[in-house]
Amino acid sequence: MNTATFRFYAELNDFLPPTWKYACFNVLFPAGQTVKHLIESCGVPHTEVDLILVNGVPVNFSYQLNDGDRVSIYPIFETIDISTVTIIRPSPLRKTQFVLDCHLGRLAVYLRLLGFNVLYRNDFSDEELAEISEKEKRICLTRDRGLLKRNQIEHGYWIRTLDSREQVVEVVRRFQLASQIKPFTRCTRCNGSLKPADKEIIINQLLPGTRDHFHDFSRCEDCGQVYWGGAHYERLQKIVDFVMDGIGPDRDNSG
């Protein structure tokens, strides 16, 4: 067996057991093993990695390790441009859109509330999620580390926090989406686009109290759901405000 020395940096340590966190450690491997396989065997999905240095030289995931190699693995660099150095980053997505696993239903609602294109079903299989992510070029958000190790998934992210509102802040900050936020433009129920609706056209869908007290409406182009500025709107606005407060100065720097 051969031996290589590994060191993971920054948030990649979230995936490691305590004895490996923020430290160098040795990994045993047979001849011909790729660095991608060993990184994921340590518990780190390939979608979380942005730069791999072996003996100080950038390599890609297919690099076959040699005995005595020293491997440094870095996460996504949000504020530093390393495009001239890294050789593993996938091509940038033309537009930001997501597919979420079954554990993130409320996050799906909140991201749609902010105007993001989000596919979600509470019965998507791992195979379906990987296929959708690959074919539709969607970022796969999940709490399942194993899902992100599937080769089909190029763009994915493991959600760290458990609180759904904090998860929205985490996603917006991680993908620098503040400048793309467009609240109340997408249906939180089905993901369709919302358009202004003439009250006279939708009046039969409204309860008497709503007809009497509200005059501005939107309707989903796909499912027909009607929205207006009632008490539910105030609750949703508080969520939007929470996110905007949470991302703080990033809103000014993400354009």
C-alpha atoms as a PDB file:
ATOM      1  CA  MET A   1       0.000   0.000   0.000  1.00  0.00           C
ATOM      2  CA  ASN A   2       1.051   3.562  -0.721  1.00  0.00           C
ATOM      3  CA  THR A   3       0.721   6.557   1.591  1.00  0.00           C
ATOM      4  CA  ALA A   4      -0.219  10.173   0.843  1.00  0.00           C
ATOM      5  CA  THR A   5      -0.511  13.085   3.249  1.00  0.00           C
ATOM      6  CA  PHE A   6      -3.805  14.990   3.058  1.00  0.00           C
ATOM      7  CA  ARG A   7      -4.783  18.425   4.383  1.00  0.00           C
ATOM      8  CA  PHE A   8      -8.258  19.923   3.951  1.00  0.00           C
ATOM      9  CA  TYR A   9      -8.829  23.644   4.379  1.00  0.00           C
ATOM     10  CA  ALA A  10     -11.560  25.957   5.696  1.00  0.00           C
ATOM     11  CA  GLU A  11     -15.159  24.659   5.532  1.00  0.00           C
ATOM     12  CA  LEU A  12     -14.113  21.332   4.003  1.00  0.00           C
ATOM     13  CA  ASN A  13     -13.285  20.367   7.576  1.00  0.00           C
ATOM     14  CA  ASP A  14     -17.052  20.261   8.207  1.00  0.00           C
ATOM     15  CA  PHE A  15     -17.029  16.818   6.592  1.00  0.00           C
ATOM     16  CA  LEU A  16     -14.102  15.319   8.522  1.00  0.00           C
ATOM     17  CA  PRO A  17     -13.930  13.364  11.774  1.00  0.00           C
ATOM     18  CA  PRO A  18     -12.437  15.324  14.702  1.00  0.00           C
ATOM     19  CA  THR A  19      -8.958  13.800  14.495  1.00  0.00           C
ATOM     20  CA  TRP A  20      -8.546  14.953  10.873  1.00  0.00           C
ATOM     21  CA  LYS A  21      -9.900  18.482  11.207  1.00  0.00           C
ATOM     22  CA  TYR A  22      -7.422  21.284  10.433  1.00  0.00           C
ATOM     23  CA  ALA A  23      -4.507  18.864  10.422  1.00  0.00           C
ATOM     24  CA  CYS A  24      -2.335  16.783   8.121  1.00  0.00           C
ATOM     25  CA  PHE A  25      -3.089  13.059   8.131  1.00  0.00           C
ATOM     26  CA  ASN A  26      -1.964  10.026   6.181  1.00  0.00           C
ATOM     27  CA  VAL A  27      -4.156   8.039   3.803  1.00  0.00           C
ATOM     28  CA  LEU A  28      -3.303   4.536   2.602  1.00  0.00           C
ATOM     29  CA  PHE A  29      -4.216   3.602  -0.962  1.00  0.00           C
ATOM     30  CA  PRO A  30      -3.455   0.999  -3.649  1.00  0.00           C
ATOM     31  CA  ALA A  31      -1.600   1.908  -6.822  1.00  0.00           C
ATOM     32  CA  GLY A  32      -3.683   3.638  -9.498  1.00  0.00           C
ATOM     33  CA  GLN A  33      -6.094   5.341  -7.101  1.00  0.00           C
ATOM     34  CA  THR A  34      -7.440   8.749  -8.174  1.00  0.00           C
ATOM     35  CA  VAL A  35      -7.346  11.778  -5.923  1.00  0.00           C
ATOM     36  CA  LYS A  36     -11.130  12.206  -6.379  1.00  0.00           C
ATOM     37  CA  HIS A  37     -11.806   8.760  -4.970  1.00  0.00           C
ATOM     38  CA  LEU A  38      -9.650   9.387  -1.914  1.00  0.00           C
ATOM     39  CA  ILE A  39     -11.097  12.848  -1.278  1.00  0.00           C
ATOM     40  CA  GLU A  40     -14.615  11.400  -1.262  1.00  0.00           C
ATOM     41  CA  SER A  41     -13.518   8.418   0.819  1.00  0.00           C
ATOM     42  CA  CYS A  42     -12.553  10.995   3.448  1.00  0.00           C
ATOM     43  CA  GLY A  43     -16.166  12.183   3.390  1.00  0.00           C
ATOM     44  CA  VAL A  44     -15.835  15.314   1.235  1.00  0.00           C
ATOM     45  CA  PRO A  45     -18.080  15.515  -1.884  1.00  0.00           C
ATOM     46  CA  HIS A  46     -16.302  16.600  -5.064  1.00  0.00           C
ATOM     47  CA  THR A  47     -18.824  19.413  -5.552  1.00  0.00           C
ATOM     48  CA  GLU A  48     -17.363  21.184  -2.501  1.00  0.00           C
ATOM     49  CA  VAL A  49     -13.790  21.224  -3.871  1.00  0.00           C
ATOM     50  CA  ASP A  50     -12.361  24.028  -6.004  1.00  0.00           C
ATOM     51  CA  LEU A  51      -8.604  23.489  -5.943  1.00  0.00           C
ATOM     52  CA  ILE A  52      -6.344  20.476  -5.443  1.00  0.00           C
ATOM     53  CA  LEU A  53      -2.588  20.848  -5.085  1.00  0.00           C
ATOM     54  CA  VAL A  54      -0.340  17.803  -5.133  1.00  0.00           C
ATOM     55  CA  ASN A  55       3.175  18.683  -4.040  1.00  0.00           C
ATOM     56  CA  GLY A  56       2.255  22.303  -4.738  1.00  0.00           C
ATOM     57  CA  VAL A  57       1.040  21.700  -8.304  1.00  0.00           C
ATOM     58  CA  PRO A  58      -2.653  21.998  -9.375  1.00  0.00           C
ATOM     59  CA  VAL A  59      -4.195  18.694 -10.514  1.00  0.00           C
ATOM     60  CA  ASN A  60      -7.650  17.534 -11.613  1.00  0.00           C
ATOM     61  CA  PHE A  61      -9.835  14.837 -10.097  1.00  0.00           C
ATOM     62  CA  SER A  62      -8.444  12.114 -12.365  1.00  0.00           C
ATOM     63  CA  TYR A  63      -4.882  12.511 -11.080  1.00  0.00           C
ATOM     64  CA  GLN A  64      -3.493   9.168  -9.906  1.00  0.00           C
ATOM     65  CA  LEU A  65      -1.665   9.504  -6.624  1.00  0.00           C
ATOM     66  CA  ASN A  66       1.870   8.337  -6.006  1.00  0.00           C
ATOM     67  CA  ASP A  67       3.476   7.135  -2.816  1.00  0.00           C
ATOM     68  CA  GLY A  68       4.604  10.096  -0.707  1.00  0.00           C
ATOM     69  CA  ASP A  69       2.389  12.718  -2.378  1.00  0.00           C
ATOM     70  CA  ARG A  70       1.306  15.688  -0.272  1.00  0.00           C
ATOM     71  CA  VAL A  71      -2.246  16.727  -1.125  1.00  0.00           C
ATOM     72  CA  SER A  72      -3.871  20.061  -0.219  1.00  0.00           C
ATOM     73  CA  ILE A  73      -7.604  20.432  -0.881  1.00  0.00           C
ATOM     74  CA  TYR A  74      -9.377  23.800  -0.895  1.00  0.00           C
ATOM     75  CA  PRO A  75     -13.074  24.783  -0.982  1.00  0.00           C
ATOM     76  CA  ILE A  76     -14.806  27.233  -3.291  1.00  0.00           C
ATOM     77  CA  PHE A  77     -13.075  30.617  -3.211  1.00  0.00           C
ATOM     78  CA  GLU A  78     -15.830  33.219  -2.986  1.00  0.00           C
ATOM     79  CA  THR A  79     -13.712  36.390  -2.982  1.00  0.00           C
ATOM     80  CA  ILE A  80     -10.538  35.279  -4.772  1.00  0.00           C
ATOM     81  CA  ASP A  81     -10.315  34.594  -8.507  1.00  0.00           C
ATOM     82  CA  ILE A  82      -8.372  31.349  -8.954  1.00  0.00           C
ATOM     83  CA  SER A  83      -9.566  30.602 -12.485  1.00  0.00           C
ATOM     84  CA  THR A  84      -5.973  30.738 -13.754  1.00  0.00           C
ATOM     85  CA  VAL A  85      -4.905  28.120 -11.207  1.00  0.00           C
ATOM     86  CA  THR A  86      -7.707  25.612 -10.693  1.00  0.00           C
ATOM     87  CA  ILE A  87      -8.297  22.943 -13.315  1.00  0.00           C
ATOM     88  CA  ILE A  88     -11.283  21.206 -11.742  1.00  0.00           C
ATOM     89  CA  ARG A  89     -13.972  23.883 -11.593  1.00  0.00           C
ATOM     90  CA  PRO A  90     -16.950  23.047 -13.863  1.00  0.00           C
ATOM     91  CA  SER A  91     -18.131  25.546 -16.448  1.00  0.00           C
ATOM     92  CA  PRO A  92     -20.191  28.369 -14.873  1.00  0.00           C
ATOM     93  CA  LEU A  93     -23.942  28.029 -15.142  1.00  0.00           C
ATOM     94  CA  ARG A  94     -25.627  30.492 -17.498  1.00  0.00           C
ATOM     95  CA  LYS A  95     -28.399  31.016 -14.959  1.00  0.00           C
ATOM     96  CA  THR A  96     -28.795  30.146 -11.311  1.00  0.00           C
ATOM     97  CA  GLN A  97     -31.466  27.530 -10.695  1.00  0.00           C
ATOM     98  CA  PHE A  98     -31.804  24.777  -8.135  1.00  0.00           C
ATOM     99  CA  VAL A  99     -33.152  21.316  -7.445  1.00  0.00           C
ATOM    100  CA  LEU A 100     -33.656  20.355  -3.785  1.00  0.00           C
ATOM    101  CA  ASP A 101     -33.884  17.041  -1.983  1.00  0.00           C
ATOM    102  CA  CYS A 102     -36.884  15.893   0.045  1.00  0.00           C
ATOM    103  CA  HIS A 103     -35.526  17.286   3.337  1.00  0.00           C
ATOM    104  CA  LEU A 104     -35.505  20.900   2.145  1.00  0.00           C
ATOM    105  CA  GLY A 105     -39.147  21.657   1.393  1.00  0.00           C
ATOM    106  CA  ARG A 106     -39.325  24.858   3.407  1.00  0.00           C
ATOM    107  CA  LEU A 107     -36.046  26.081   1.919  1.00  0.00           C
ATOM    108  CA  ALA A 108     -37.586  25.518  -1.523  1.00  0.00           C
ATOM    109  CA  VAL A 109     -40.540  27.737  -0.571  1.00  0.00           C
ATOM    110  CA  TYR A 110     -38.287  30.482   0.769  1.00  0.00           C
ATOM    111  CA  LEU A 111     -35.990  30.466  -2.269  1.00  0.00           C
ATOM    112  CA  ARG A 112     -39.029  30.723  -4.553  1.00  0.00           C
ATOM    113  CA  LEU A 113     -40.267  33.571  -2.371  1.00  0.00           C
ATOM    114  CA  LEU A 114     -37.036  35.410  -3.236  1.00  0.00           C
ATOM    115  CA  GLY A 115     -37.625  34.779  -6.936  1.00  0.00           C
ATOM    116  CA  PHE A 116     -35.320  31.821  -7.584  1.00  0.00           C
ATOM    117  CA  ASN A 117     -36.162  28.936  -9.915  1.00  0.00           C
ATOM    118  CA  VAL A 118     -36.421  25.887  -7.650  1.00  0.00           C
ATOM    119  CA  LEU A 119     -37.558  22.357  -8.495  1.00  0.00           C
ATOM    120  CA  TYR A 120     -38.784  20.380  -5.496  1.00  0.00           C
ATOM    121  CA  ARG A 121     -40.813  17.264  -4.823  1.00  0.00           C
ATOM    122  CA  ASN A 122     -40.907  15.399  -1.555  1.00  0.00           C
ATOM    123  CA  ASP A 123     -40.493  12.089  -3.367  1.00  0.00           C
ATOM    124  CA  PHE A 124     -37.564  12.748  -5.715  1.00  0.00           C
ATOM    125  CA  SER A 125     -35.211   9.760  -5.693  1.00  0.00           C
ATOM    126  CA  ASP A 126     -31.452  10.302  -5.608  1.00  0.00           C
ATOM    127  CA  GLU A 127     -31.313   9.103  -9.215  1.00  0.00           C
ATOM    128  CA  GLU A 128     -33.901  11.684 -10.268  1.00  0.00           C
ATOM    129  CA  LEU A 129     -32.122  14.488  -8.422  1.00  0.00           C
ATOM    130  CA  ALA A 130     -28.795  13.651 -10.051  1.00  0.00           C
ATOM    131  CA  GLU A 131     -30.374  13.380 -13.502  1.00  0.00           C
ATOM    132  CA  ILE A 132     -32.237  16.691 -13.149  1.00  0.00           C
ATOM    133  CA  SER A 133     -29.109  18.439 -11.900  1.00  0.00           C
ATOM    134  CA  GLU A 134     -27.095  17.155 -14.856  1.00  0.00           C
ATOM    135  CA  LYS A 135     -29.635  17.597 -17.667  1.00  0.00           C
ATOM    136  CA  GLU A 136     -31.171  20.905 -16.571  1.00  0.00           C
ATOM    137  CA  LYS A 137     -27.929  22.407 -15.247  1.00  0.00           C
ATOM    138  CA  ARG A 138     -29.367  22.941 -11.775  1.00  0.00           C
ATOM    139  CA  ILE A 139     -27.441  23.298  -8.535  1.00  0.00           C
ATOM    140  CA  CYS A 140     -28.368  20.385  -6.290  1.00  0.00           C
ATOM    141  CA  LEU A 141     -28.937  21.476  -2.688  1.00  0.00           C
ATOM    142  CA  THR A 142     -29.065  18.662  -0.172  1.00  0.00           C
ATOM    143  CA  ARG A 143     -28.446  17.491   3.369  1.00  0.00           C
ATOM    144  CA  ASP A 144     -27.255  14.148   1.976  1.00  0.00           C
ATOM    145  CA  ARG A 145     -23.482  14.110   1.492  1.00  0.00           C
ATOM    146  CA  GLY A 146     -23.651  10.833  -0.394  1.00  0.00           C
ATOM    147  CA  LEU A 147     -25.866  12.356  -3.077  1.00  0.00           C
ATOM    148  CA  LEU A 148     -23.201  14.937  -3.938  1.00  0.00           C
ATOM    149  CA  LYS A 149     -20.649  12.183  -4.553  1.00  0.00           C
ATOM    150  CA  ARG A 150     -22.539  11.026  -7.649  1.00  0.00           C
ATOM    151  CA  ASN A 151     -20.491  11.694 -10.779  1.00  0.00           C
ATOM    152  CA  GLN A 152     -23.518  13.153 -12.582  1.00  0.00           C
ATOM    153  CA  ILE A 153     -23.657  16.121 -10.226  1.00  0.00           C
ATOM    154  CA  GLU A 154     -21.223  18.878 -11.166  1.00  0.00           C
ATOM    155  CA  HIS A 155     -22.927  21.714  -9.324  1.00  0.00           C
ATOM    156  CA  GLY A 156     -24.062  20.951  -5.800  1.00  0.00           C
ATOM    157  CA  TYR A 157     -23.861  22.114  -2.225  1.00  0.00           C
ATOM    158  CA  TRP A 158     -24.303  20.487   1.162  1.00  0.00           C
ATOM    159  CA  ILE A 159     -26.512  22.634   3.396  1.00  0.00           C
ATOM    160  CA  ARG A 160     -24.837  23.109   6.778  1.00  0.00           C
ATOM    161  CA  THR A 161     -27.499  24.780   8.902  1.00  0.00           C
ATOM    162  CA  LEU A 162     -30.760  23.201  10.072  1.00  0.00           C
ATOM    163  CA  ASP A 163     -32.983  26.272  10.496  1.00  0.00           C
ATOM    164  CA  SER A 164     -34.792  26.924   7.216  1.00  0.00           C
ATOM    165  CA  ARG A 165     -34.464  30.716   7.364  1.00  0.00           C
ATOM    166  CA  GLU A 166     -30.758  30.449   8.115  1.00  0.00           C
ATOM    167  CA  GLN A 167     -30.474  28.020   5.206  1.00  0.00           C
ATOM    168  CA  VAL A 168     -31.720  30.710   2.822  1.00  0.00           C
ATOM    169  CA  VAL A 169     -29.084  33.139   4.082  1.00  0.00           C
ATOM    170  CA  GLU A 170     -26.463  30.409   3.722  1.00  0.00           C
ATOM    171  CA  VAL A 171     -27.404  29.723   0.091  1.00  0.00           C
ATOM    172  CA  VAL A 172     -27.605  33.392  -0.896  1.00  0.00           C
ATOM    173  CA  ARG A 173     -24.201  34.103   0.631  1.00  0.00           C
ATOM    174  CA  ARG A 174     -22.581  30.935  -0.709  1.00  0.00           C
ATOM    175  CA  PHE A 175     -23.620  31.606  -4.318  1.00  0.00           C
ATOM    176  CA  GLN A 176     -23.480  35.414  -4.032  1.00  0.00           C
ATOM    177  CA  LEU A 177     -27.095  35.813  -5.111  1.00  0.00           C
ATOM    178  CA  ALA A 178     -28.045  39.042  -3.353  1.00  0.00           C
ATOM    179  CA  SER A 179     -28.240  41.057  -6.565  1.00  0.00           C
ATOM    180  CA  GLN A 180     -30.551  38.420  -8.106  1.00  0.00           C
ATOM    181  CA  ILE A 181     -33.198  38.537  -5.378  1.00  0.00           C
ATOM    182  CA  LYS A 182     -36.636  39.490  -6.748  1.00  0.00           C
ATOM    183  CA  PRO A 183     -39.194  38.874  -3.992  1.00  0.00           C
ATOM    184  CA  PHE A 184     -42.783  37.906  -4.810  1.00  0.00           C
ATOM    185  CA  THR A 185     -42.150  37.153  -8.480  1.00  0.00           C
ATOM    186  CA  ARG A 186     -42.463  33.357  -8.329  1.00  0.00           C
ATOM    187  CA  CYS A 187     -45.164  31.012  -7.075  1.00  0.00           C
ATOM    188  CA  THR A 188     -44.111  29.396  -3.804  1.00  0.00           C
ATOM    189  CA  ARG A 189     -46.478  26.500  -4.495  1.00  0.00           C
ATOM    190  CA  CYS A 190     -45.370  25.361  -7.964  1.00  0.00           C
ATOM    191  CA  ASN A 191     -42.396  27.554  -9.007  1.00  0.00           C
ATOM    192  CA  GLY A 192     -44.275  29.309 -11.825  1.00  0.00           C
ATOM    193  CA  SER A 193     -43.849  33.007 -12.606  1.00  0.00           C
ATOM    194  CA  LEU A 194     -46.245  35.537 -11.070  1.00  0.00           C
ATOM    195  CA  LYS A 195     -47.894  38.209 -13.188  1.00  0.00           C
ATOM    196  CA  PRO A 196     -50.242  41.073 -12.212  1.00  0.00           C
ATOM    197  CA  ALA A 197     -53.878  39.959 -12.385  1.00  0.00           C
ATOM    198  CA  ASP A 198     -56.984  42.024 -13.113  1.00  0.00           C
ATOM    199  CA  LYS A 199     -59.328  41.770 -10.134  1.00  0.00           C
ATOM    200  CA  GLU A 200     -62.388  41.435 -12.347  1.00  0.00           C
ATOM    201  CA  ILE A 201     -60.920  38.391 -14.071  1.00  0.00           C
ATOM    202  CA  ILE A 202     -60.102  36.514 -10.849  1.00  0.00           C
ATOM    203  CA  ILE A 203     -62.981  37.776  -8.705  1.00  0.00           C
ATOM    204  CA  ASN A 204     -64.673  34.357  -8.614  1.00  0.00           C
ATOM    205  CA  GLN A 205     -61.550  32.921  -6.964  1.00  0.00           C
ATOM    206  CA  LEU A 206     -61.727  35.410  -4.072  1.00  0.00           C
ATOM    207  CA  LEU A 207     -63.540  35.212  -0.750  1.00  0.00           C
ATOM    208  CA  PRO A 208     -65.939  38.088   0.009  1.00  0.00           C
ATOM    209  CA  GLY A 209     -63.593  39.688   2.551  1.00  0.00           C
ATOM    210  CA  THR A 210     -60.719  39.617   0.108  1.00  0.00           C
ATOM    211  CA  ARG A 211     -62.860  41.124  -2.654  1.00  0.00           C
ATOM    212  CA  ASP A 212     -63.844  44.023  -0.412  1.00  0.00           C
ATOM    213  CA  HIS A 213     -60.478  44.938   1.094  1.00  0.00           C
ATOM    214  CA  PHE A 214     -57.811  44.191  -1.540  1.00  0.00           C
ATOM    215  CA  HIS A 215     -57.334  45.482  -5.045  1.00  0.00           C
ATOM    216  CA  ASP A 216     -53.838  44.449  -6.182  1.00  0.00           C
ATOM    217  CA  PHE A 217     -53.344  40.804  -7.143  1.00  0.00           C
ATOM    218  CA  SER A 218     -50.854  38.500  -8.816  1.00  0.00           C
ATOM    219  CA  ARG A 219     -51.528  35.107 -10.347  1.00  0.00           C
ATOM    220  CA  CYS A 220     -49.260  32.191 -11.159  1.00  0.00           C
ATOM    221  CA  GLU A 221     -49.016  31.603 -14.893  1.00  0.00           C
ATOM    222  CA  ASP A 222     -48.731  27.849 -14.343  1.00  0.00           C
ATOM    223  CA  CYS A 223     -51.086  26.771 -11.554  1.00  0.00           C
ATOM    224  CA  GLY A 224     -53.365  29.817 -11.328  1.00  0.00           C
ATOM    225  CA  GLN A 225     -52.740  30.436  -7.611  1.00  0.00           C
ATOM    226  CA  VAL A 226     -53.730  34.006  -6.685  1.00  0.00           C
ATOM    227  CA  TYR A 227     -51.665  36.199  -4.339  1.00  0.00           C
ATOM    228  CA  TRP A 228     -52.513  39.462  -2.583  1.00  0.00           C
ATOM    229  CA  GLY A 229     -51.246  41.602   0.281  1.00  0.00           C
ATOM    230  CA  GLY A 230     -53.036  39.963   3.200  1.00  0.00           C
ATOM    231  CA  ALA A 231     -51.710  38.775   6.554  1.00  0.00           C
ATOM    232  CA  HIS A 232     -49.794  35.988   4.821  1.00  0.00           C
ATOM    233  CA  TYR A 233     -47.970  38.630   2.782  1.00  0.00           C
ATOM    234  CA  GLU A 234     -46.776  40.321   5.976  1.00  0.00           C
ATOM    235  CA  ARG A 235     -45.425  37.002   7.269  1.00  0.00           C
ATOM    236  CA  LEU A 236     -43.583  36.387   4.019  1.00  0.00           C
ATOM    237  CA  GLN A 237     -42.204  39.924   4.011  1.00  0.00           C
ATOM    238  CA  LYS A 238     -40.688  39.248   7.443  1.00  0.00           C
ATOM    239  CA  ILE A 239     -38.837  36.282   5.941  1.00  0.00           C
ATOM    240  CA  VAL A 240     -37.532  38.454   3.105  1.00  0.00           C
ATOM    241  CA  ASP A 241     -36.404  41.064   5.645  1.00  0.00           C
ATOM    242  CA  PHE A 242     -34.678  38.362   7.715  1.00  0.00           C
ATOM    243  CA  VAL A 243     -32.705  37.218   4.666  1.00  0.00           C
ATOM    244  CA  MET A 244     -31.749  40.738   3.619  1.00  0.00           C
ATOM    245  CA  ASP A 245     -30.558  41.511   7.144  1.00  0.00           C
ATOM    246  CA  GLY A 246     -28.662  38.216   7.259  1.00  0.00           C
ATOM    247  CA  ILE A 247     -26.673  38.753   4.070  1.00  0.00           C
ATOM    248  CA  GLY A 248     -25.762  42.262   5.190  1.00  0.00           C
ATOM    249  CA  PRO A 249     -23.107  44.104   3.151  1.00  0.00           C
ATOM    250  CA  ASP A 250     -22.855  41.245   0.630  1.00  0.00           C
ATOM    251  CA  ARG A 251     -25.891  42.774  -1.085  1.00  0.00           C
ATOM    252  CA  ASP A 252     -23.756  45.706  -2.206  1.00  0.00           C
ATOM    253  CA  ASN A 253     -20.821  43.601  -3.334  1.00  0.00           C
ATOM    254  CA  SER A 254     -22.466  40.827  -5.312  1.00  0.00           C
ATOM    255  CA  GLY A 255     -23.399  42.654  -8.486  1.00  0.00           C
END
